[in-house]
Amino acid sequence: MPNNDKPHTAKADPAQAGVALAGVRTLLRKEILRFWKVAFQTVAAPVLTAVMYLLIFGHVLEDHVQAFPGVGYTSFLIPGLVMMSVLQNAFANSSSSLIQSKITGNLVFLLVTPLSHWAWFVAYVGASLVRGLAVGCGVLAVTVWFAPLRLAEPLWIVVFAALGAGMMGALGLIAGLWAEKFDQLAAFQNFIIMPMTFLSGVFYSVKSLPALWQAVSHLNPFFYMIDGFRRGFFGISDASPWLSLAVVGGSFLLVATVALRLLASGYKLRS
């Protein structure tokens, strides 16, 4: 990683802080533009995928499943699809950007800059947050026409969307640092991210599961992200929103700490 030595004089502090801030802004802008220039692929395509899930599952199960009292299945499904889209795209943004830079060799241009590991983290995770929330807003804007939604406790919507996207952006950094080729990154996504997402209650209430699988679901941090996010719409959840906040917040801090340590050590960046 770039040189992180402390300045030798107090007078250099403001100037160095200004340079660091400018570097973070530049890298953040670069990462946002990277996905925004191909928004049809990175934003519109996930929105279409979520709509297809809604049309298929909503049409088939609307008259057969009631997850929450007084809440139609399609209405129940929409927040889950929104949050699933946020999580998957936040992860994809940071992981794909880093692995692409490693494989193409242009990562060297970042390594020679005086950016600290904190600057890398803020820029990559910040861009992941933007992409995840952009896709989530797009999914919500399109799917809300299919069923009525309430905003019972909107603060939970904002909190869990931001924490979830931030955690997945940091997890994407870890995956991007670990992977040396696209196959390894795909394996990480297919065997870890996808199962944990689909087994988190996106399409069902975990209370409908047998006791054993309910216990397993409560070990999945993705469940608490989606359950807390859904709480903001209906005021109903399978778990306490405060418990969900503690689990998601703790998971974010753990994943962020690991990502920062790997960045600070230059793990698989210089080879």
Protein backbone atom coordinates (compact mmCIF):
# COMPACT_ATOMS: atom_id res chain seq x y z
CA MET A 1 0.00 0.00 0.00
CA PRO A 2 1.08 3.62 -0.39
CA ASN A 3 3.25 5.31 2.20
CA ASN A 4 1.28 6.07 5.38
CA ASP A 5 4.09 7.76 7.39
CA LYS A 6 3.05 10.61 9.67
CA PRO A 7 4.04 14.14 8.62
CA HIS A 8 7.24 15.50 10.14
CA THR A 9 5.84 18.93 11.02
CA ALA A 10 2.54 20.20 12.34
CA LYS A 11 2.40 22.77 9.51
CA ALA A 12 2.10 19.97 6.96
CA ASP A 13 -1.04 18.56 8.54
CA PRO A 14 -3.67 20.79 6.87
CA ALA A 15 -2.07 20.44 3.44
CA GLN A 16 -1.72 16.70 3.76
CA ALA A 17 -5.31 16.38 4.96
CA GLY A 18 -6.47 18.38 1.96
CA VAL A 19 -4.54 16.15 -0.43
CA ALA A 20 -5.96 13.03 1.23
CA LEU A 21 -9.50 14.37 1.01
CA ALA A 22 -9.05 15.26 -2.64
CA GLY A 23 -7.72 11.76 -3.29
CA VAL A 24 -10.73 10.15 -1.62
CA ARG A 25 -13.11 12.33 -3.63
CA THR A 26 -11.32 11.51 -6.87
CA LEU A 27 -11.27 7.76 -6.26
CA LEU A 28 -14.89 7.79 -5.11
CA ARG A 29 -15.93 9.70 -8.23
CA LYS A 30 -13.98 7.28 -10.41
CA GLU A 31 -15.69 4.28 -8.80
CA ILE A 32 -19.16 5.81 -9.16
CA LEU A 33 -18.56 6.71 -12.80
CA ARG A 34 -17.28 3.19 -13.44
CA PHE A 35 -20.69 1.66 -12.85
CA TRP A 36 -22.78 4.66 -13.86
CA LYS A 37 -21.38 4.77 -17.40
CA VAL A 38 -22.83 1.29 -17.93
CA ALA A 39 -25.98 1.92 -15.88
CA PHE A 40 -28.10 -0.13 -18.29
CA GLN A 41 -26.12 -3.18 -17.17
CA THR A 42 -25.36 -2.29 -13.55
CA VAL A 43 -28.63 -0.61 -12.53
CA ALA A 44 -31.39 -1.34 -15.05
CA ALA A 45 -30.65 -5.07 -15.40
CA PRO A 46 -30.94 -5.82 -11.64
CA VAL A 47 -34.19 -3.85 -11.53
CA LEU A 48 -35.59 -6.00 -14.35
CA THR A 49 -34.47 -9.18 -12.55
CA ALA A 50 -36.28 -8.11 -9.37
CA VAL A 51 -39.45 -7.33 -11.34
CA MET A 52 -39.35 -10.80 -12.88
CA TYR A 53 -39.08 -12.36 -9.42
CA LEU A 54 -42.04 -10.27 -8.29
CA LEU A 55 -44.21 -11.19 -11.28
CA ILE A 56 -43.49 -14.90 -10.96
CA PHE A 57 -43.63 -15.39 -7.20
CA GLY A 58 -46.29 -12.77 -6.60
CA HIS A 59 -48.60 -14.22 -9.25
CA VAL A 60 -48.16 -17.82 -8.10
CA LEU A 61 -48.29 -17.33 -4.31
CA GLU A 62 -50.42 -14.22 -3.75
CA ASP A 63 -53.57 -16.20 -2.91
CA HIS A 64 -51.78 -19.01 -1.08
CA VAL A 65 -49.32 -17.37 1.34
CA GLN A 66 -49.76 -14.75 4.04
CA ALA A 67 -46.48 -14.06 5.82
CA PHE A 68 -47.70 -11.22 8.06
CA PRO A 69 -51.27 -10.64 9.31
CA GLY A 70 -53.10 -8.20 7.05
CA VAL A 71 -50.20 -7.99 4.56
CA GLY A 72 -50.59 -9.48 1.08
CA TYR A 73 -47.81 -11.70 -0.16
CA THR A 74 -46.83 -9.37 -3.02
CA SER A 75 -46.58 -6.45 -0.59
CA PHE A 76 -44.49 -8.63 1.75
CA LEU A 77 -42.23 -9.65 -1.12
CA ILE A 78 -41.37 -6.15 -2.39
CA PRO A 79 -39.15 -5.01 0.54
CA GLY A 80 -37.31 -8.35 0.43
CA LEU A 81 -36.57 -7.94 -3.27
CA VAL A 82 -35.46 -4.34 -2.75
CA MET A 83 -33.04 -5.29 0.02
CA MET A 84 -31.78 -8.33 -1.87
CA SER A 85 -30.96 -6.08 -4.83
CA VAL A 86 -29.20 -3.58 -2.55
CA LEU A 87 -27.02 -6.28 -0.98
CA GLN A 88 -26.10 -8.11 -4.16
CA ASN A 89 -25.20 -4.98 -6.11
CA ALA A 90 -23.22 -3.39 -3.28
CA PHE A 91 -21.12 -6.56 -3.09
CA ALA A 92 -20.75 -6.77 -6.88
CA ASN A 93 -19.54 -3.19 -7.19
CA SER A 94 -16.48 -3.29 -4.94
CA SER A 95 -15.54 -6.91 -5.67
CA SER A 96 -15.75 -6.60 -9.47
CA SER A 97 -13.91 -3.28 -9.53
CA LEU A 98 -10.99 -4.57 -7.49
CA ILE A 99 -10.59 -7.91 -9.28
CA GLN A 100 -10.86 -6.18 -12.66
CA SER A 101 -8.13 -3.72 -11.70
CA LYS A 102 -5.89 -6.57 -10.47
CA ILE A 103 -6.32 -8.65 -13.61
CA THR A 104 -5.92 -5.80 -16.11
CA GLY A 105 -2.90 -4.42 -14.25
CA ASN A 106 -4.14 -0.87 -13.80
CA LEU A 107 -4.14 -1.26 -10.01
CA VAL A 108 -0.53 -0.08 -10.08
CA PHE A 109 -1.75 3.46 -10.79
CA LEU A 110 -3.55 3.46 -7.43
CA LEU A 111 -0.66 1.86 -5.57
CA VAL A 112 1.69 4.72 -6.46
CA THR A 113 -0.69 7.36 -5.09
CA PRO A 114 -0.34 8.68 -1.50
CA LEU A 115 -3.74 7.25 -0.53
CA SER A 116 -4.08 5.48 2.81
CA HIS A 117 -5.99 2.26 3.34
CA TRP A 118 -8.76 4.36 4.87
CA ALA A 119 -9.07 6.33 1.63
CA TRP A 120 -9.38 3.12 -0.38
CA PHE A 121 -11.99 1.79 2.01
CA VAL A 122 -14.12 4.94 1.98
CA ALA A 123 -14.01 5.24 -1.81
CA TYR A 124 -14.76 1.60 -2.64
CA VAL A 125 -17.40 1.11 0.04
CA GLY A 126 -18.90 4.54 -0.65
CA ALA A 127 -19.33 3.72 -4.34
CA SER A 128 -20.84 0.35 -3.41
CA LEU A 129 -23.28 2.16 -1.13
CA VAL A 130 -24.30 4.48 -3.96
CA ARG A 131 -24.80 1.64 -6.44
CA GLY A 132 -26.68 -0.55 -3.97
CA LEU A 133 -29.05 2.25 -2.98
CA ALA A 134 -29.52 3.34 -6.60
CA VAL A 135 -30.58 -0.17 -7.61
CA GLY A 136 -32.76 -0.50 -4.51
CA CYS A 137 -34.54 2.78 -5.25
CA GLY A 138 -35.04 1.66 -8.84
CA VAL A 139 -36.54 -1.67 -7.75
CA LEU A 140 -38.83 0.09 -5.25
CA ALA A 141 -39.95 2.69 -7.80
CA VAL A 142 -40.96 -0.02 -10.29
CA THR A 143 -42.41 -2.67 -7.96
CA VAL A 144 -44.42 -0.33 -5.72
CA TRP A 145 -47.04 -0.14 -8.48
CA PHE A 146 -47.82 -3.83 -8.12
CA ALA A 147 -49.00 -3.79 -4.49
CA PRO A 148 -49.70 -1.28 -1.70
CA LEU A 149 -46.92 -0.49 0.76
CA ARG A 150 -46.91 1.36 4.05
CA LEU A 151 -44.16 3.36 5.69
CA ALA A 152 -44.79 2.40 9.29
CA GLU A 153 -41.28 3.12 10.64
CA PRO A 154 -39.23 4.68 7.78
CA LEU A 155 -36.11 5.25 9.88
CA TRP A 156 -35.47 1.49 9.93
CA ILE A 157 -35.61 1.45 6.14
CA VAL A 158 -32.78 3.99 5.89
CA VAL A 159 -30.67 2.46 8.67
CA PHE A 160 -30.76 -1.13 7.42
CA ALA A 161 -30.35 -0.18 3.76
CA ALA A 162 -27.25 1.89 4.55
CA LEU A 163 -25.71 -0.62 6.97
CA GLY A 164 -26.46 -3.55 4.67
CA ALA A 165 -24.98 -1.86 1.61
CA GLY A 166 -21.93 -0.77 3.60
CA MET A 167 -21.34 -4.25 4.96
CA MET A 168 -21.66 -5.84 1.53
CA GLY A 169 -19.35 -3.24 0.00
CA ALA A 170 -16.74 -4.10 2.63
CA LEU A 171 -17.30 -7.83 2.06
CA GLY A 172 -16.85 -7.22 -1.66
CA LEU A 173 -13.48 -5.63 -0.89
CA ILE A 174 -12.41 -8.74 1.00
CA ALA A 175 -13.54 -10.99 -1.84
CA GLY A 176 -11.82 -8.79 -4.43
CA LEU A 177 -8.57 -8.81 -2.47
CA TRP A 178 -8.69 -12.58 -1.96
CA ALA A 179 -9.65 -13.58 -5.50
CA GLU A 180 -6.96 -13.78 -8.16
CA LYS A 181 -9.30 -14.53 -11.07
CA PHE A 182 -12.96 -14.14 -11.94
CA ASP A 183 -13.67 -17.83 -11.29
CA GLN A 184 -12.71 -17.47 -7.64
CA LEU A 185 -14.87 -14.37 -7.27
CA ALA A 186 -17.80 -16.16 -8.89
CA ALA A 187 -17.35 -19.06 -6.46
CA PHE A 188 -17.39 -16.64 -3.51
CA GLN A 189 -20.61 -15.11 -4.79
CA ASN A 190 -22.34 -18.34 -5.79
CA PHE A 191 -21.46 -20.41 -2.72
CA ILE A 192 -21.58 -17.74 0.01
CA ILE A 193 -23.48 -14.60 -1.01
CA MET A 194 -26.32 -16.16 -3.01
CA PRO A 195 -27.24 -18.93 -0.49
CA MET A 196 -27.13 -16.54 2.46
CA THR A 197 -29.32 -14.07 0.55
CA PHE A 198 -31.95 -16.57 -0.58
CA LEU A 199 -32.07 -18.24 2.87
CA SER A 200 -32.63 -14.95 4.68
CA GLY A 201 -36.40 -14.61 4.35
CA VAL A 202 -36.61 -12.67 1.10
CA PHE A 203 -39.46 -14.86 -0.18
CA TYR A 204 -40.96 -16.08 3.09
CA SER A 205 -41.26 -15.47 6.81
CA VAL A 206 -38.83 -17.63 8.77
CA LYS A 207 -41.62 -18.32 11.26
CA SER A 208 -43.15 -20.58 8.61
CA LEU A 209 -40.08 -22.85 8.76
CA PRO A 210 -39.57 -25.90 11.03
CA ALA A 211 -37.86 -25.14 14.34
CA LEU A 212 -34.45 -26.38 13.16
CA TRP A 213 -34.40 -24.15 10.09
CA GLN A 214 -35.68 -21.20 12.10
CA ALA A 215 -32.65 -21.59 14.35
CA VAL A 216 -30.34 -21.83 11.34
CA SER A 217 -31.91 -18.71 9.80
CA HIS A 218 -31.26 -16.74 12.98
CA LEU A 219 -27.54 -17.44 12.55
CA ASN A 220 -27.59 -15.70 9.16
CA PRO A 221 -26.83 -11.94 9.39
CA PHE A 222 -28.58 -11.41 6.05
CA PHE A 223 -31.85 -12.41 7.74
CA TYR A 224 -31.54 -9.50 10.18
CA MET A 225 -30.81 -7.01 7.36
CA ILE A 226 -33.90 -7.99 5.42
CA ASP A 227 -36.14 -8.43 8.47
CA GLY A 228 -35.16 -5.04 9.88
CA PHE A 229 -35.61 -3.38 6.49
CA ARG A 230 -39.08 -4.94 6.11
CA ARG A 231 -39.95 -3.73 9.61
CA GLY A 232 -39.72 -0.16 8.35
CA PHE A 233 -42.57 -0.76 5.89
CA PHE A 234 -45.05 -2.78 7.94
CA GLY A 235 -44.10 -2.26 11.57
CA ILE A 236 -43.99 -6.08 11.85
CA SER A 237 -40.92 -8.30 11.89
CA ASP A 238 -39.84 -11.81 12.80
CA ALA A 239 -37.17 -10.47 15.18
CA SER A 240 -36.81 -7.36 17.30
CA PRO A 241 -35.49 -4.47 15.18
CA TRP A 242 -33.04 -3.62 17.97
CA LEU A 243 -31.64 -7.14 17.90
CA SER A 244 -31.40 -6.87 14.11
CA LEU A 245 -29.60 -3.53 14.46
CA ALA A 246 -27.10 -5.03 16.93
CA VAL A 247 -26.38 -8.01 14.67
CA VAL A 248 -26.09 -5.99 11.47
CA GLY A 249 -24.07 -3.23 13.12
CA GLY A 250 -21.71 -5.75 14.70
CA SER A 251 -21.35 -7.63 11.40
CA PHE A 252 -20.53 -4.39 9.59
CA LEU A 253 -17.84 -3.48 12.14
CA LEU A 254 -16.31 -6.96 11.92
CA VAL A 255 -16.25 -7.07 8.12
CA ALA A 256 -15.01 -3.47 7.89
CA THR A 257 -12.18 -4.20 10.35
CA VAL A 258 -11.05 -7.23 8.34
CA ALA A 259 -11.18 -5.26 5.08
CA LEU A 260 -9.16 -2.40 6.57
CA ARG A 261 -6.53 -4.76 7.96
CA LEU A 262 -6.15 -6.47 4.58
CA LEU A 263 -5.86 -3.13 2.79
CA ALA A 264 -3.34 -1.84 5.32
CA SER A 265 -1.17 -4.95 4.87
CA GLY A 266 -1.38 -4.75 1.06
CA TYR A 267 -2.80 -8.29 0.92
CA LYS A 268 -2.48 -9.59 -2.65
CA LEU A 269 -2.12 -6.06 -3.98
CA ARG A 270 1.59 -5.92 -4.73
CA SER A 271 2.03 -9.38 -6.27
